N, C-alpha and C. Protein backbone atom coordinates (compact mmCIF):
# COMPACT_ATOMS: atom_id res chain seq x y z
N LEU A 1 176.60 -9.24 119.41
CA LEU A 1 175.96 -8.74 120.64
C LEU A 1 176.14 -7.28 120.76
N SER A 2 175.12 -6.49 121.02
CA SER A 2 175.37 -5.11 121.15
C SER A 2 175.26 -4.74 122.62
N THR A 3 176.07 -3.67 122.84
CA THR A 3 176.24 -3.35 124.28
C THR A 3 175.35 -2.15 124.64
N PRO A 4 174.65 -1.98 125.75
CA PRO A 4 173.73 -0.82 126.00
C PRO A 4 174.53 0.54 125.97
N PRO A 5 173.86 1.52 125.62
CA PRO A 5 174.59 2.81 125.50
C PRO A 5 175.06 3.27 127.01
N PRO A 6 176.06 4.03 127.09
CA PRO A 6 176.44 4.34 128.28
C PRO A 6 175.49 5.37 129.03
N SER A 7 175.46 5.35 130.33
CA SER A 7 174.62 6.23 131.13
C SER A 7 175.22 7.53 131.01
N LEU A 8 174.27 8.54 131.50
CA LEU A 8 174.75 9.90 131.49
C LEU A 8 175.96 10.05 132.51
N ASP A 9 175.93 9.35 133.70
CA ASP A 9 176.94 9.55 134.51
C ASP A 9 178.29 8.94 133.89
N GLU A 10 178.23 7.98 133.22
CA GLU A 10 179.43 7.45 132.57
C GLU A 10 180.04 8.46 131.65
N LEU A 11 179.02 9.10 130.77
CA LEU A 11 179.46 10.11 129.93
C LEU A 11 180.00 11.32 130.60
N LEU A 12 179.45 11.85 131.58
CA LEU A 12 179.89 13.14 132.09
C LEU A 12 180.63 12.98 133.49
N GLY A 13 180.77 11.84 133.87
CA GLY A 13 181.50 11.72 135.15
C GLY A 13 182.88 11.11 135.04
N TYR A 14 183.75 11.44 135.92
CA TYR A 14 185.03 10.91 136.09
C TYR A 14 185.39 10.82 137.42
N ALA A 15 185.88 9.76 137.89
CA ALA A 15 186.46 9.41 139.23
C ALA A 15 185.34 9.64 140.30
N GLY A 16 184.11 9.32 139.93
CA GLY A 16 182.83 9.45 140.81
C GLY A 16 182.53 10.89 140.96
N VAL A 17 183.03 11.78 140.06
CA VAL A 17 182.40 13.17 140.20
C VAL A 17 181.78 13.47 138.76
N ARG A 18 180.64 14.21 138.79
CA ARG A 18 180.09 14.58 137.67
C ARG A 18 180.41 15.89 137.28
N TRP A 19 181.23 16.08 136.17
CA TRP A 19 181.90 17.20 135.73
C TRP A 19 180.95 18.18 134.96
N GLU A 20 180.05 17.57 134.15
CA GLU A 20 179.45 18.45 133.26
C GLU A 20 177.99 18.10 133.38
N ILE A 21 177.05 19.06 133.17
CA ILE A 21 175.59 19.01 133.13
C ILE A 21 175.01 19.95 132.27
N GLU A 22 173.81 19.74 131.64
CA GLU A 22 173.15 20.85 130.89
C GLU A 22 172.46 21.65 131.75
N ALA A 23 172.35 22.95 131.56
CA ALA A 23 171.58 23.76 132.44
C ALA A 23 171.25 25.11 131.64
N LEU A 24 170.19 25.73 132.04
CA LEU A 24 169.81 27.00 131.43
C LEU A 24 169.88 27.97 132.67
N VAL A 25 170.95 29.01 132.38
CA VAL A 25 171.03 29.93 133.59
C VAL A 25 171.02 31.39 132.78
N GLN A 26 170.66 32.33 133.61
CA GLN A 26 170.75 33.71 133.01
C GLN A 26 171.78 34.33 134.05
N VAL A 27 172.78 34.92 133.39
CA VAL A 27 173.91 35.53 134.06
C VAL A 27 174.36 36.67 133.28
N PRO A 28 174.82 37.67 133.79
CA PRO A 28 175.44 38.91 133.10
C PRO A 28 176.83 38.42 132.55
N VAL A 29 177.03 38.80 131.26
CA VAL A 29 178.24 38.49 130.61
C VAL A 29 178.95 39.85 130.42
N PRO A 30 180.27 39.92 131.06
CA PRO A 30 180.90 41.25 130.98
C PRO A 30 181.50 41.39 129.63
N ALA A 31 182.05 42.62 129.41
CA ALA A 31 182.63 42.99 128.00
C ALA A 31 183.73 41.96 127.63
N GLY A 32 184.35 41.33 128.42
CA GLY A 32 185.36 40.36 127.99
C GLY A 32 184.80 39.18 127.42
N GLY A 33 183.43 38.90 127.41
CA GLY A 33 182.70 37.90 126.76
C GLY A 33 182.70 36.64 127.32
N TRP A 34 183.02 36.45 128.77
CA TRP A 34 182.93 35.14 129.50
C TRP A 34 182.64 35.30 130.88
N ASN A 35 182.18 34.28 131.45
CA ASN A 35 181.90 34.36 132.93
C ASN A 35 182.10 32.89 133.42
N THR A 36 182.13 32.78 134.67
CA THR A 36 182.33 31.39 135.22
C THR A 36 181.21 31.26 136.13
N ILE A 37 180.66 30.01 136.15
CA ILE A 37 179.47 29.64 136.93
C ILE A 37 179.73 28.33 137.59
N CYS A 38 179.53 28.31 138.97
CA CYS A 38 179.57 27.12 139.79
C CYS A 38 178.38 27.07 140.78
N TRP A 39 178.00 25.91 141.08
CA TRP A 39 177.05 25.68 142.16
C TRP A 39 177.25 24.36 142.73
N ALA A 40 176.75 24.20 143.97
CA ALA A 40 176.71 22.96 144.72
C ALA A 40 175.39 22.32 144.68
N PRO A 41 175.29 21.05 144.47
CA PRO A 41 173.97 20.41 144.49
C PRO A 41 173.38 20.52 145.89
N GLY A 42 172.06 20.64 145.83
CA GLY A 42 171.27 20.65 146.97
C GLY A 42 169.96 20.15 146.84
N THR A 43 169.11 20.27 147.88
CA THR A 43 167.66 19.94 147.59
C THR A 43 166.90 21.21 147.51
N PRO A 44 165.82 21.27 146.68
CA PRO A 44 165.11 22.41 146.32
C PRO A 44 164.17 22.73 147.74
N ALA A 45 163.96 24.16 147.78
CA ALA A 45 163.26 24.57 148.98
C ALA A 45 161.91 24.11 148.87
N GLN A 46 161.22 23.99 147.65
CA GLN A 46 159.88 23.36 147.56
C GLN A 46 159.98 22.69 146.41
N ALA A 47 159.01 21.65 146.37
CA ALA A 47 158.81 20.87 145.06
C ALA A 47 158.24 21.83 143.89
N PRO A 48 158.67 21.72 142.71
CA PRO A 48 158.15 22.54 141.51
C PRO A 48 156.71 22.29 141.46
N SER A 49 155.98 23.25 141.16
CA SER A 49 154.59 23.15 140.85
C SER A 49 154.25 22.71 139.36
N THR A 50 153.23 21.90 139.26
CA THR A 50 152.86 21.55 137.88
C THR A 50 152.29 22.86 137.10
N PRO A 51 152.98 23.06 135.85
CA PRO A 51 152.37 24.23 135.26
C PRO A 51 150.97 24.14 134.70
N GLU A 52 150.25 25.08 134.62
CA GLU A 52 148.82 24.87 133.93
C GLU A 52 149.08 24.77 132.46
N PRO A 53 148.43 24.00 131.76
CA PRO A 53 148.63 23.72 130.30
C PRO A 53 148.51 24.90 129.44
N ASP A 54 147.79 25.80 129.79
CA ASP A 54 147.50 26.93 128.79
C ASP A 54 147.86 28.21 129.46
N VAL A 55 148.89 28.27 130.32
CA VAL A 55 149.38 29.65 131.01
C VAL A 55 150.81 29.55 131.30
N LEU A 56 151.56 30.65 130.96
CA LEU A 56 152.87 30.88 131.39
C LEU A 56 152.84 31.99 132.23
N ASP A 57 153.53 31.93 133.54
CA ASP A 57 153.55 32.82 134.70
C ASP A 57 154.86 32.98 135.25
N ASN A 58 155.40 34.20 135.10
CA ASN A 58 156.83 34.38 135.60
C ASN A 58 156.77 35.17 137.08
N GLY A 59 155.63 35.14 137.55
CA GLY A 59 155.44 36.29 138.75
C GLY A 59 155.18 37.55 138.44
N LEU A 60 155.61 38.11 137.34
CA LEU A 60 155.31 39.58 136.78
C LEU A 60 154.22 39.53 135.81
N LEU A 61 154.38 38.58 134.88
CA LEU A 61 153.44 38.58 133.73
C LEU A 61 152.72 37.12 133.74
N ARG A 62 151.49 37.14 133.33
CA ARG A 62 150.72 35.78 133.32
C ARG A 62 150.28 35.80 131.82
N VAL A 63 150.61 34.99 130.95
CA VAL A 63 150.06 35.02 129.55
C VAL A 63 149.19 33.74 129.43
N GLY A 64 148.02 33.90 128.90
CA GLY A 64 147.17 32.80 128.72
C GLY A 64 147.05 32.50 127.21
N PHE A 65 146.69 31.12 126.94
CA PHE A 65 146.53 30.58 125.64
C PHE A 65 145.34 30.00 125.46
N GLU A 66 144.79 29.98 124.15
CA GLU A 66 143.65 29.07 123.77
C GLU A 66 144.02 28.37 122.42
N ARG A 67 144.11 27.03 122.60
CA ARG A 67 144.51 26.22 121.41
C ARG A 67 145.84 26.64 120.75
N GLY A 68 146.79 27.04 121.63
CA GLY A 68 148.14 27.35 120.98
C GLY A 68 148.18 28.91 120.60
N ARG A 69 147.23 29.78 120.78
CA ARG A 69 147.09 31.04 120.46
C ARG A 69 147.27 31.93 121.61
N LEU A 70 148.13 32.87 121.61
CA LEU A 70 148.27 33.86 122.78
C LEU A 70 147.15 34.88 122.86
N VAL A 71 146.24 34.73 123.94
CA VAL A 71 145.13 35.51 123.88
C VAL A 71 144.80 36.47 125.04
N SER A 72 145.70 36.28 126.06
CA SER A 72 145.72 37.33 127.20
C SER A 72 146.92 37.51 127.91
N ILE A 73 147.26 38.74 128.48
CA ILE A 73 148.41 39.07 129.12
C ILE A 73 148.07 39.89 130.33
N ALA A 74 148.38 39.28 131.49
CA ALA A 74 147.99 40.03 132.73
C ALA A 74 149.39 40.52 133.40
N ASP A 75 149.32 41.83 133.72
CA ASP A 75 150.53 42.48 134.40
C ASP A 75 150.36 42.65 135.84
N ALA A 76 151.14 41.82 136.65
CA ALA A 76 150.94 41.82 138.17
C ALA A 76 151.23 43.24 138.72
N HIS A 77 152.31 43.94 137.98
CA HIS A 77 152.63 45.29 138.62
C HIS A 77 151.53 46.32 138.58
N SER A 78 151.04 46.36 137.29
CA SER A 78 149.95 47.30 137.11
C SER A 78 148.63 46.90 137.38
N GLY A 79 148.42 45.59 137.34
CA GLY A 79 147.00 44.96 137.66
C GLY A 79 146.21 44.94 136.40
N GLN A 80 146.92 45.36 135.29
CA GLN A 80 145.99 45.40 134.03
C GLN A 80 145.99 43.88 133.30
N THR A 81 145.00 43.66 132.60
CA THR A 81 144.94 42.39 131.80
C THR A 81 144.49 42.97 130.23
N TRP A 82 145.14 42.53 129.45
CA TRP A 82 144.88 42.76 127.97
C TRP A 82 144.44 41.40 127.20
N THR A 83 143.20 41.41 126.60
CA THR A 83 142.78 40.36 125.88
C THR A 83 142.76 40.56 124.38
N ALA A 84 143.26 39.63 123.56
CA ALA A 84 143.33 39.85 122.21
C ALA A 84 142.08 39.34 121.54
N PRO A 85 141.52 39.98 120.42
CA PRO A 85 140.24 39.57 119.69
C PRO A 85 140.70 38.06 119.21
N LEU A 86 139.64 37.27 119.22
CA LEU A 86 139.92 35.82 118.90
C LEU A 86 140.36 35.74 117.39
N ALA A 87 139.75 36.72 116.62
CA ALA A 87 140.26 36.62 115.17
C ALA A 87 141.71 36.86 114.85
N THR A 88 142.34 37.62 115.69
CA THR A 88 143.73 37.93 115.64
C THR A 88 144.30 38.11 116.96
N PRO A 89 144.71 36.78 117.43
CA PRO A 89 145.31 36.92 118.75
C PRO A 89 146.70 37.58 118.63
N PHE A 90 147.31 37.75 119.84
CA PHE A 90 148.68 38.45 119.93
C PHE A 90 149.64 37.42 119.10
N GLY A 91 150.61 38.11 118.33
CA GLY A 91 151.58 37.16 117.44
C GLY A 91 150.82 36.39 116.40
N HIS A 92 149.62 36.70 115.96
CA HIS A 92 149.02 35.86 114.99
C HIS A 92 149.64 35.99 113.68
N LEU A 93 149.87 34.88 113.00
CA LEU A 93 150.48 34.77 111.70
C LEU A 93 149.51 34.71 110.59
N ARG A 94 149.71 35.63 109.54
CA ARG A 94 148.78 35.59 108.40
C ARG A 94 149.67 35.82 107.19
N ALA A 95 149.30 34.92 106.11
CA ALA A 95 149.98 35.15 104.94
C ALA A 95 148.90 35.80 103.87
N TYR A 96 149.49 36.80 103.32
CA TYR A 96 148.67 37.53 102.29
C TYR A 96 149.13 37.14 100.83
N GLU A 97 148.23 36.79 99.97
CA GLU A 97 148.56 36.52 98.62
C GLU A 97 148.11 37.73 97.78
N VAL A 98 149.29 38.02 96.86
CA VAL A 98 149.03 39.31 96.11
C VAL A 98 149.21 39.08 94.61
N ASP A 99 148.82 39.90 93.80
CA ASP A 99 148.77 39.92 92.32
C ASP A 99 150.26 40.18 91.90
N ALA A 100 151.04 39.00 91.60
CA ALA A 100 152.37 39.28 91.19
C ALA A 100 152.59 39.84 89.83
N THR A 101 151.48 40.09 88.98
CA THR A 101 151.61 40.54 87.64
C THR A 101 151.91 42.08 87.69
N LYS A 102 151.43 42.71 88.73
CA LYS A 102 151.83 44.23 88.91
C LYS A 102 153.14 44.60 89.03
N PRO A 103 153.42 46.00 88.99
CA PRO A 103 155.05 46.30 89.06
C PRO A 103 155.41 45.97 90.46
N LEU A 104 156.65 45.53 90.57
CA LEU A 104 157.46 45.18 91.81
C LEU A 104 156.66 43.84 92.35
N HIS A 105 155.92 43.13 91.77
CA HIS A 105 155.25 41.98 92.25
C HIS A 105 154.39 42.28 93.53
N ALA A 106 153.83 43.58 93.47
CA ALA A 106 153.17 44.01 94.70
C ALA A 106 151.73 44.63 94.25
N GLY A 107 150.85 43.87 93.74
CA GLY A 107 149.57 44.13 93.21
C GLY A 107 148.64 43.99 94.51
N PRO A 108 147.37 44.14 94.27
CA PRO A 108 146.37 44.04 95.33
C PRO A 108 146.29 42.67 96.00
N VAL A 109 145.81 42.76 97.19
CA VAL A 109 145.78 41.37 97.99
C VAL A 109 144.58 40.61 97.43
N LEU A 110 144.89 39.52 97.12
CA LEU A 110 143.89 38.50 96.66
C LEU A 110 143.20 37.58 97.57
N GLY A 111 143.98 37.42 98.61
CA GLY A 111 143.37 36.48 99.64
C GLY A 111 144.35 36.43 100.93
N THR A 112 143.94 35.79 101.96
CA THR A 112 144.83 35.57 103.06
C THR A 112 144.48 34.22 103.66
N THR A 113 145.62 33.65 104.43
CA THR A 113 145.61 32.26 104.97
C THR A 113 146.14 32.47 106.44
N ASP A 114 145.44 32.08 107.45
CA ASP A 114 145.88 32.26 108.68
C ASP A 114 146.60 30.98 109.33
N ALA A 115 147.41 31.17 110.14
CA ALA A 115 148.18 30.10 110.78
C ALA A 115 147.21 29.13 111.53
N LEU A 116 147.42 27.89 111.28
CA LEU A 116 146.62 26.94 112.10
C LEU A 116 147.62 26.11 112.90
N TRP A 117 147.31 26.23 114.40
CA TRP A 117 148.15 25.35 115.29
C TRP A 117 147.70 24.00 115.61
N GLU A 118 148.40 23.01 115.25
CA GLU A 118 148.00 21.56 115.41
C GLU A 118 148.46 21.06 116.64
N ARG A 119 149.61 21.55 117.13
CA ARG A 119 150.16 21.01 118.30
C ARG A 119 150.86 22.23 119.31
N TRP A 120 150.59 22.01 120.57
CA TRP A 120 151.19 23.05 121.24
C TRP A 120 151.52 22.57 122.73
N GLN A 121 152.43 23.02 123.44
CA GLN A 121 152.77 22.59 124.74
C GLN A 121 153.74 23.59 125.39
N VAL A 122 153.69 23.35 126.78
CA VAL A 122 154.78 24.15 127.56
C VAL A 122 156.01 23.39 127.37
N THR A 123 157.12 23.99 126.99
CA THR A 123 158.37 23.33 126.81
C THR A 123 159.35 23.60 127.82
N GLU A 124 159.15 24.90 128.52
CA GLU A 124 160.09 25.13 129.50
C GLU A 124 159.17 25.76 130.72
N CYS A 125 159.31 25.53 131.92
CA CYS A 125 158.51 26.11 132.96
C CYS A 125 159.39 26.61 134.17
N GLY A 126 160.22 27.39 133.85
CA GLY A 126 161.11 27.94 134.85
C GLY A 126 162.22 27.18 135.39
N PRO A 127 163.00 27.66 136.23
CA PRO A 127 162.66 29.04 137.04
C PRO A 127 163.40 30.21 136.40
N VAL A 128 164.16 29.96 135.14
CA VAL A 128 164.64 31.09 134.43
C VAL A 128 163.95 31.50 133.30
N ARG A 129 163.39 30.60 132.56
CA ARG A 129 162.62 30.95 131.26
C ARG A 129 161.27 29.94 131.33
N TRP A 130 160.25 30.61 130.67
CA TRP A 130 158.91 29.80 130.51
C TRP A 130 158.66 29.92 128.96
N THR A 131 158.35 28.89 128.35
CA THR A 131 158.13 28.82 126.87
C THR A 131 157.00 28.06 126.56
N MET A 132 156.06 28.52 125.66
CA MET A 132 154.99 27.74 125.03
C MET A 132 155.29 27.70 123.64
N ARG A 133 155.34 26.53 123.04
CA ARG A 133 155.75 26.31 121.57
C ARG A 133 154.29 25.78 120.90
N SER A 134 154.08 26.55 119.86
CA SER A 134 152.86 26.09 119.16
C SER A 134 153.47 25.79 117.58
N GLU A 135 152.98 24.56 116.98
CA GLU A 135 153.41 24.22 115.77
C GLU A 135 152.30 23.88 114.80
N GLY A 136 152.44 24.23 113.55
CA GLY A 136 151.34 23.98 112.68
C GLY A 136 151.79 24.35 111.17
N HIS A 137 150.92 25.11 110.60
CA HIS A 137 151.11 25.53 109.10
C HIS A 137 150.42 26.69 108.78
N ILE A 138 150.90 27.56 107.74
CA ILE A 138 150.28 28.47 107.19
C ILE A 138 150.02 27.97 105.75
N GLY A 139 148.89 27.58 105.30
CA GLY A 139 148.81 26.95 103.96
C GLY A 139 149.58 25.69 104.08
N PRO A 140 150.40 25.47 102.89
CA PRO A 140 151.31 24.31 102.94
C PRO A 140 152.64 24.57 103.70
N CYS A 141 152.86 25.73 104.39
CA CYS A 141 154.15 25.99 104.89
C CYS A 141 154.24 25.75 106.32
N PRO A 142 155.11 24.87 106.77
CA PRO A 142 155.40 24.60 108.24
C PRO A 142 155.54 25.98 108.81
N ALA A 143 155.15 25.98 110.16
CA ALA A 143 155.19 27.22 111.03
C ALA A 143 155.40 26.89 112.36
N ALA A 144 155.99 27.66 113.31
CA ALA A 144 156.17 27.43 114.68
C ALA A 144 156.12 28.88 115.43
N LEU A 145 155.42 28.97 116.56
CA LEU A 145 155.45 30.10 117.24
C LEU A 145 156.00 29.94 118.72
N GLU A 146 156.94 30.49 119.32
CA GLU A 146 157.37 30.29 120.64
C GLU A 146 157.13 31.58 121.36
N VAL A 147 156.40 31.43 122.51
CA VAL A 147 156.09 32.56 123.49
C VAL A 147 157.05 32.52 124.54
N ARG A 148 157.85 33.32 124.96
CA ARG A 148 158.89 33.19 126.04
C ARG A 148 158.61 34.33 127.08
N LEU A 149 158.83 33.98 128.46
CA LEU A 149 158.90 34.84 129.52
C LEU A 149 160.13 34.53 130.22
N TYR A 150 160.84 35.68 130.81
CA TYR A 150 162.07 35.46 131.45
C TYR A 150 161.85 35.87 132.92
N ARG A 151 162.69 35.28 133.96
CA ARG A 151 162.58 35.65 135.27
C ARG A 151 162.97 37.04 135.56
N GLY A 152 162.19 37.85 136.22
CA GLY A 152 162.55 39.28 136.59
C GLY A 152 162.28 40.19 135.44
N GLU A 153 161.68 39.80 134.40
CA GLU A 153 161.36 40.66 133.30
C GLU A 153 159.86 40.80 132.93
N ARG A 154 159.56 42.04 132.73
CA ARG A 154 158.06 42.40 132.36
C ARG A 154 158.20 42.36 130.82
N ARG A 155 158.51 41.40 130.10
CA ARG A 155 158.65 41.32 128.63
C ARG A 155 158.14 40.00 128.19
N VAL A 156 157.34 40.06 126.98
CA VAL A 156 156.93 38.81 126.32
C VAL A 156 157.68 38.63 125.00
N GLU A 157 158.41 37.66 124.79
CA GLU A 157 159.18 37.53 123.64
C GLU A 157 158.46 36.44 122.63
N LEU A 158 158.44 36.89 121.40
CA LEU A 158 157.79 36.01 120.36
C LEU A 158 158.85 35.60 119.29
N HIS A 159 158.84 34.37 119.07
CA HIS A 159 159.96 33.78 118.15
C HIS A 159 159.10 32.92 117.24
N VAL A 160 159.28 33.42 115.90
CA VAL A 160 158.45 32.83 114.89
C VAL A 160 159.50 32.08 113.79
N GLU A 161 159.00 30.88 113.36
CA GLU A 161 159.78 30.15 112.45
C GLU A 161 158.67 29.75 111.46
N VAL A 162 159.03 30.17 110.00
CA VAL A 162 158.20 29.65 108.96
C VAL A 162 159.17 29.22 107.84
N ASP A 163 158.77 28.08 107.34
CA ASP A 163 159.47 27.53 106.19
C ASP A 163 158.69 27.91 104.96
N TRP A 164 158.98 29.24 104.64
CA TRP A 164 158.25 29.82 103.46
C TRP A 164 158.77 29.31 102.12
N ASP A 165 157.90 28.86 101.32
CA ASP A 165 158.21 28.22 100.03
C ASP A 165 158.34 29.18 98.85
N GLY A 166 158.50 30.54 99.08
CA GLY A 166 158.69 31.44 98.10
C GLY A 166 157.45 31.95 97.26
N ARG A 167 156.20 31.82 97.71
CA ARG A 167 155.02 32.07 97.19
C ARG A 167 154.90 33.56 97.08
N ASP A 168 154.16 34.01 95.98
CA ASP A 168 153.80 35.47 95.85
C ASP A 168 152.95 36.12 96.96
N GLY A 169 153.47 37.17 97.68
CA GLY A 169 152.69 37.84 98.63
C GLY A 169 153.66 38.04 99.86
N PHE A 170 153.11 38.25 101.14
CA PHE A 170 153.97 38.39 102.31
C PHE A 170 153.27 37.80 103.45
N LEU A 171 154.12 37.73 104.47
CA LEU A 171 153.72 37.16 105.78
C LEU A 171 153.64 38.23 106.81
N ALA A 172 152.53 38.34 107.53
CA ALA A 172 152.43 39.28 108.56
C ALA A 172 152.37 38.73 109.91
N ALA A 173 152.85 39.30 110.93
CA ALA A 173 152.56 38.93 112.45
C ALA A 173 151.72 39.97 113.05
N HIS A 174 150.55 39.65 113.30
CA HIS A 174 149.52 40.81 113.91
C HIS A 174 149.87 40.79 115.29
N LEU A 175 149.92 41.97 115.89
CA LEU A 175 150.33 42.22 117.31
C LEU A 175 149.34 43.36 117.76
N PRO A 176 148.01 42.90 118.12
CA PRO A 176 147.00 43.87 118.48
C PRO A 176 147.03 44.28 119.94
N PHE A 177 148.35 44.72 120.25
CA PHE A 177 148.57 45.36 121.58
C PHE A 177 147.97 46.68 121.78
N PRO A 178 147.30 46.95 122.85
CA PRO A 178 146.85 48.32 123.12
C PRO A 178 147.74 49.39 123.67
N PHE A 179 149.05 48.93 123.61
CA PHE A 179 150.01 49.83 124.17
C PHE A 179 151.20 49.71 123.22
N ALA A 180 152.20 50.65 123.48
CA ALA A 180 153.29 50.95 122.61
C ALA A 180 154.31 49.68 122.98
N GLY A 181 155.10 49.23 121.97
CA GLY A 181 155.91 48.12 122.14
C GLY A 181 157.18 48.32 121.40
N GLU A 182 158.12 47.44 121.51
CA GLU A 182 159.40 47.40 120.70
C GLU A 182 159.54 46.19 120.04
N MET A 183 159.84 46.20 118.70
CA MET A 183 160.20 45.04 117.96
C MET A 183 161.61 44.82 117.91
């Protein structure tokens, strides 16, 4: 006979007190490299709202998606909204095949392959971080793109994962932003 796995309270609790929990928090870390965090459980002031399936909003920026592709950014501070061309949305991944017989394996571009997103979902919806994760492939290579917003920051963070199989050419992330940015 097998026994059922222990409950989370049995694993993390002792003497009726829950000593450990998983949490995502944003805190400053001093030069010493550590900090202490504690909190008392309570009831939330309001029930969390259900996120829109194709929008991330941290109160400062609102980013919109279409089929897993980042297509709009609205800035509440300036009132401006930027929309990306559908052919190359913000953070668009494209593989370029080159003629490897040329010197330094960098001949002319022979063709391109765009990322195709097959699955996407909001994986975090605040209150510290908001994340949309898109998964798919670029040709035969698995790929993922995470778009992140953080509380109190007017910053969009793009995290790219590609399991590149060593083919001839290069991979580009297109960022058709109409303003200066930092990589």
